[in-house]
């Protein structure tokens, strides 16, 4: 990874990947911060950083929600209007129900224009 900013939001998933990579003998480094995540201390540091990233993400989300609520009260923010979805969600659901994979659904939706 090049930066801590790339840490996934799901810390358990990242710790699992980190352990798997370490078992395979891979060297895990955050290049921008010049920190290695190998060994016991590296794993502890990675766990702390992942949790801090999660806390920061939650705080940002709460702040955004508060800002949107204030804007709504002032009548400035009205949210997404009807018909602003780029693609037809019902079509995606139909394709999923038919058993198509996500890449197949994306490819199909990319070729369909919404009226």
C-alpha atoms as a PDB file:
ATOM      1  CA  UNK A   1       0.000   0.000   0.000  1.00  0.00           C
ATOM      2  CA  UNK A   2       1.196   3.533  -0.556  1.00  0.00           C
ATOM      3  CA  UNK A   3      -0.578   5.259   2.349  1.00  0.00           C
ATOM      4  CA  UNK A   4      -2.675   4.658   5.462  1.00  0.00           C
ATOM      5  CA  UNK A   5      -5.533   6.239   3.516  1.00  0.00           C
ATOM      6  CA  UNK A   6      -5.863   2.939   1.680  1.00  0.00           C
ATOM      7  CA  UNK A   7      -6.739   0.998   4.822  1.00  0.00           C
ATOM      8  CA  UNK A   8     -10.086  -0.696   4.313  1.00  0.00           C
ATOM      9  CA  UNK A   9     -13.068   0.368   6.388  1.00  0.00           C
ATOM     10  CA  UNK A  10     -13.603  -3.201   7.543  1.00  0.00           C
ATOM     11  CA  UNK A  11     -10.786  -3.732  10.037  1.00  0.00           C
ATOM     12  CA  UNK A  12     -11.392  -7.458  10.550  1.00  0.00           C
ATOM     13  CA  UNK A  13     -11.033  -8.063   6.836  1.00  0.00           C
ATOM     14  CA  UNK A  14      -7.755  -6.127   6.715  1.00  0.00           C
ATOM     15  CA  UNK A  15      -6.296  -7.932   9.726  1.00  0.00           C
ATOM     16  CA  UNK A  16      -7.157 -11.246   8.091  1.00  0.00           C
ATOM     17  CA  UNK A  17      -5.447 -10.206   4.875  1.00  0.00           C
ATOM     18  CA  UNK A  18      -2.442  -8.931   6.811  1.00  0.00           C
ATOM     19  CA  UNK A  19      -2.049 -12.230   8.672  1.00  0.00           C
ATOM     20  CA  UNK A  20      -2.427 -14.187   5.418  1.00  0.00           C
ATOM     21  CA  UNK A  21       0.177 -12.061   3.663  1.00  0.00           C
ATOM     22  CA  UNK A  22       2.597 -12.384   6.604  1.00  0.00           C
ATOM     23  CA  UNK A  23       2.220 -16.184   6.558  1.00  0.00           C
ATOM     24  CA  UNK A  24       3.124 -16.138   2.874  1.00  0.00           C
ATOM     25  CA  UNK A  25       6.278 -14.203   3.683  1.00  0.00           C
ATOM     26  CA  UNK A  26       5.192 -10.958   2.026  1.00  0.00           C
ATOM     27  CA  UNK A  27       6.639  -7.684   3.269  1.00  0.00           C
ATOM     28  CA  UNK A  28       3.841  -5.175   3.954  1.00  0.00           C
ATOM     29  CA  UNK A  29       4.906  -1.520   3.895  1.00  0.00           C
ATOM     30  CA  UNK A  30       3.058   1.820   3.903  1.00  0.00           C
ATOM     31  CA  UNK A  31       5.422   3.571   1.517  1.00  0.00           C
ATOM     32  CA  UNK A  32       4.356   7.172   2.216  1.00  0.00           C
ATOM     33  CA  UNK A  33       4.749   6.789   5.987  1.00  0.00           C
ATOM     34  CA  UNK A  34       7.706   4.351   5.651  1.00  0.00           C
ATOM     35  CA  UNK A  35       6.291   1.851   8.125  1.00  0.00           C
ATOM     36  CA  UNK A  36       6.524  -1.935   7.871  1.00  0.00           C
ATOM     37  CA  UNK A  37       3.647  -4.022   9.182  1.00  0.00           C
ATOM     38  CA  UNK A  38       5.543  -7.284   9.574  1.00  0.00           C
ATOM     39  CA  UNK A  39       6.059  -9.028  12.891  1.00  0.00           C
ATOM     40  CA  UNK A  40       4.130  -8.706  16.112  1.00  0.00           C
ATOM     41  CA  UNK A  41       4.656  -4.957  16.561  1.00  0.00           C
ATOM     42  CA  UNK A  42       3.738  -4.331  12.926  1.00  0.00           C
ATOM     43  CA  UNK A  43       0.491  -6.259  13.320  1.00  0.00           C
ATOM     44  CA  UNK A  44      -0.373  -4.353  16.501  1.00  0.00           C
ATOM     45  CA  UNK A  45       0.360  -1.052  14.784  1.00  0.00           C
ATOM     46  CA  UNK A  46      -1.752  -2.061  11.782  1.00  0.00           C
ATOM     47  CA  UNK A  47      -4.676  -3.001  14.048  1.00  0.00           C
ATOM     48  CA  UNK A  48      -4.491   0.348  15.846  1.00  0.00           C
ATOM     49  CA  UNK A  49      -4.290   2.298  12.583  1.00  0.00           C
ATOM     50  CA  UNK A  50      -7.194   0.392  11.057  1.00  0.00           C
ATOM     51  CA  UNK A  51      -9.354   1.139  14.097  1.00  0.00           C
ATOM     52  CA  UNK A  52      -8.365   4.813  14.059  1.00  0.00           C
ATOM     53  CA  UNK A  53      -9.248   4.986  10.371  1.00  0.00           C
ATOM     54  CA  UNK A  54     -12.645   3.462  11.193  1.00  0.00           C
ATOM     55  CA  UNK A  55     -13.250   5.979  13.974  1.00  0.00           C
ATOM     56  CA  UNK A  56     -12.277   8.855  11.665  1.00  0.00           C
ATOM     57  CA  UNK A  57     -14.628   7.528   8.961  1.00  0.00           C
ATOM     58  CA  UNK A  58     -17.501   7.314  11.470  1.00  0.00           C
ATOM     59  CA  UNK A  59     -16.831  10.881  12.718  1.00  0.00           C
ATOM     60  CA  UNK A  60     -16.749  12.200   9.161  1.00  0.00           C
ATOM     61  CA  UNK A  61     -20.011  10.414   8.384  1.00  0.00           C
ATOM     62  CA  UNK A  62     -21.672  11.877  11.509  1.00  0.00           C
ATOM     63  CA  UNK A  63     -20.401  15.366  10.648  1.00  0.00           C
ATOM     64  CA  UNK A  64     -21.714  15.084   7.108  1.00  0.00           C
ATOM     65  CA  UNK A  65     -25.117  13.953   8.368  1.00  0.00           C
ATOM     66  CA  UNK A  66     -25.236  16.896  10.793  1.00  0.00           C
ATOM     67  CA  UNK A  67     -24.317  19.314   8.010  1.00  0.00           C
ATOM     68  CA  UNK A  68     -26.994  17.882   5.727  1.00  0.00           C
ATOM     69  CA  UNK A  69     -29.597  18.215   8.485  1.00  0.00           C
ATOM     70  CA  UNK A  70     -28.699  21.876   9.044  1.00  0.00           C
ATOM     71  CA  UNK A  71     -28.845  22.517   5.290  1.00  0.00           C
ATOM     72  CA  UNK A  72     -32.261  20.815   5.119  1.00  0.00           C
ATOM     73  CA  UNK A  73     -33.570  23.015   7.941  1.00  0.00           C
ATOM     74  CA  UNK A  74     -32.394  26.072   6.005  1.00  0.00           C
ATOM     75  CA  UNK A  75     -34.032  24.708   2.847  1.00  0.00           C
ATOM     76  CA  UNK A  76     -30.713  24.559   0.992  1.00  0.00           C
ATOM     77  CA  UNK A  77     -30.318  20.767   0.762  1.00  0.00           C
ATOM     78  CA  UNK A  78     -33.191  18.824  -0.693  1.00  0.00           C
ATOM     79  CA  UNK A  79     -31.435  15.534  -1.421  1.00  0.00           C
ATOM     80  CA  UNK A  80     -31.404  13.546  -4.597  1.00  0.00           C
ATOM     81  CA  UNK A  81     -34.436  14.181  -6.745  1.00  0.00           C
ATOM     82  CA  UNK A  82     -36.534  11.500  -8.406  1.00  0.00           C
ATOM     83  CA  UNK A  83     -35.090  10.165 -11.627  1.00  0.00           C
ATOM     84  CA  UNK A  84     -31.497  11.081 -10.809  1.00  0.00           C
ATOM     85  CA  UNK A  85     -30.193   7.522 -10.613  1.00  0.00           C
ATOM     86  CA  UNK A  86     -27.739   6.922 -13.418  1.00  0.00           C
ATOM     87  CA  UNK A  87     -28.998   3.430 -14.157  1.00  0.00           C
ATOM     88  CA  UNK A  88     -32.160   1.452 -13.552  1.00  0.00           C
ATOM     89  CA  UNK A  89     -31.905  -0.311 -10.164  1.00  0.00           C
ATOM     90  CA  UNK A  90     -34.848  -2.588 -11.002  1.00  0.00           C
ATOM     91  CA  UNK A  91     -32.920  -3.890 -14.028  1.00  0.00           C
ATOM     92  CA  UNK A  92     -29.948  -4.670 -11.780  1.00  0.00           C
ATOM     93  CA  UNK A  93     -32.198  -6.599  -9.389  1.00  0.00           C
ATOM     94  CA  UNK A  94     -33.705  -8.588 -12.273  1.00  0.00           C
ATOM     95  CA  UNK A  95     -30.249  -9.500 -13.564  1.00  0.00           C
ATOM     96  CA  UNK A  96     -29.087 -10.512 -10.081  1.00  0.00           C
ATOM     97  CA  UNK A  97     -32.168 -12.699  -9.673  1.00  0.00           C
ATOM     98  CA  UNK A  98     -31.293 -14.382 -12.970  1.00  0.00           C
ATOM     99  CA  UNK A  99     -27.938 -15.335 -11.463  1.00  0.00           C
ATOM    100  CA  UNK A 100     -25.646 -12.870 -13.219  1.00  0.00           C
ATOM    101  CA  UNK A 101     -22.448 -11.830 -11.477  1.00  0.00           C
ATOM    102  CA  UNK A 102     -21.746  -8.231 -10.486  1.00  0.00           C
ATOM    103  CA  UNK A 103     -19.329  -7.666 -13.407  1.00  0.00           C
ATOM    104  CA  UNK A 104     -21.909  -9.098 -15.816  1.00  0.00           C
ATOM    105  CA  UNK A 105     -24.612  -6.821 -14.387  1.00  0.00           C
ATOM    106  CA  UNK A 106     -22.313  -3.789 -14.638  1.00  0.00           C
ATOM    107  CA  UNK A 107     -21.497  -4.626 -18.245  1.00  0.00           C
ATOM    108  CA  UNK A 108     -25.180  -5.028 -19.087  1.00  0.00           C
ATOM    109  CA  UNK A 109     -26.186  -1.776 -17.363  1.00  0.00           C
ATOM    110  CA  UNK A 110     -23.371   0.127 -19.079  1.00  0.00           C
ATOM    111  CA  UNK A 111     -24.976  -0.662 -22.445  1.00  0.00           C
ATOM    112  CA  UNK A 112     -28.527   0.325 -21.431  1.00  0.00           C
ATOM    113  CA  UNK A 113     -29.692   3.938 -21.465  1.00  0.00           C
ATOM    114  CA  UNK A 114     -32.222   5.044 -18.865  1.00  0.00           C
ATOM    115  CA  UNK A 115     -35.271   6.762 -20.396  1.00  0.00           C
END
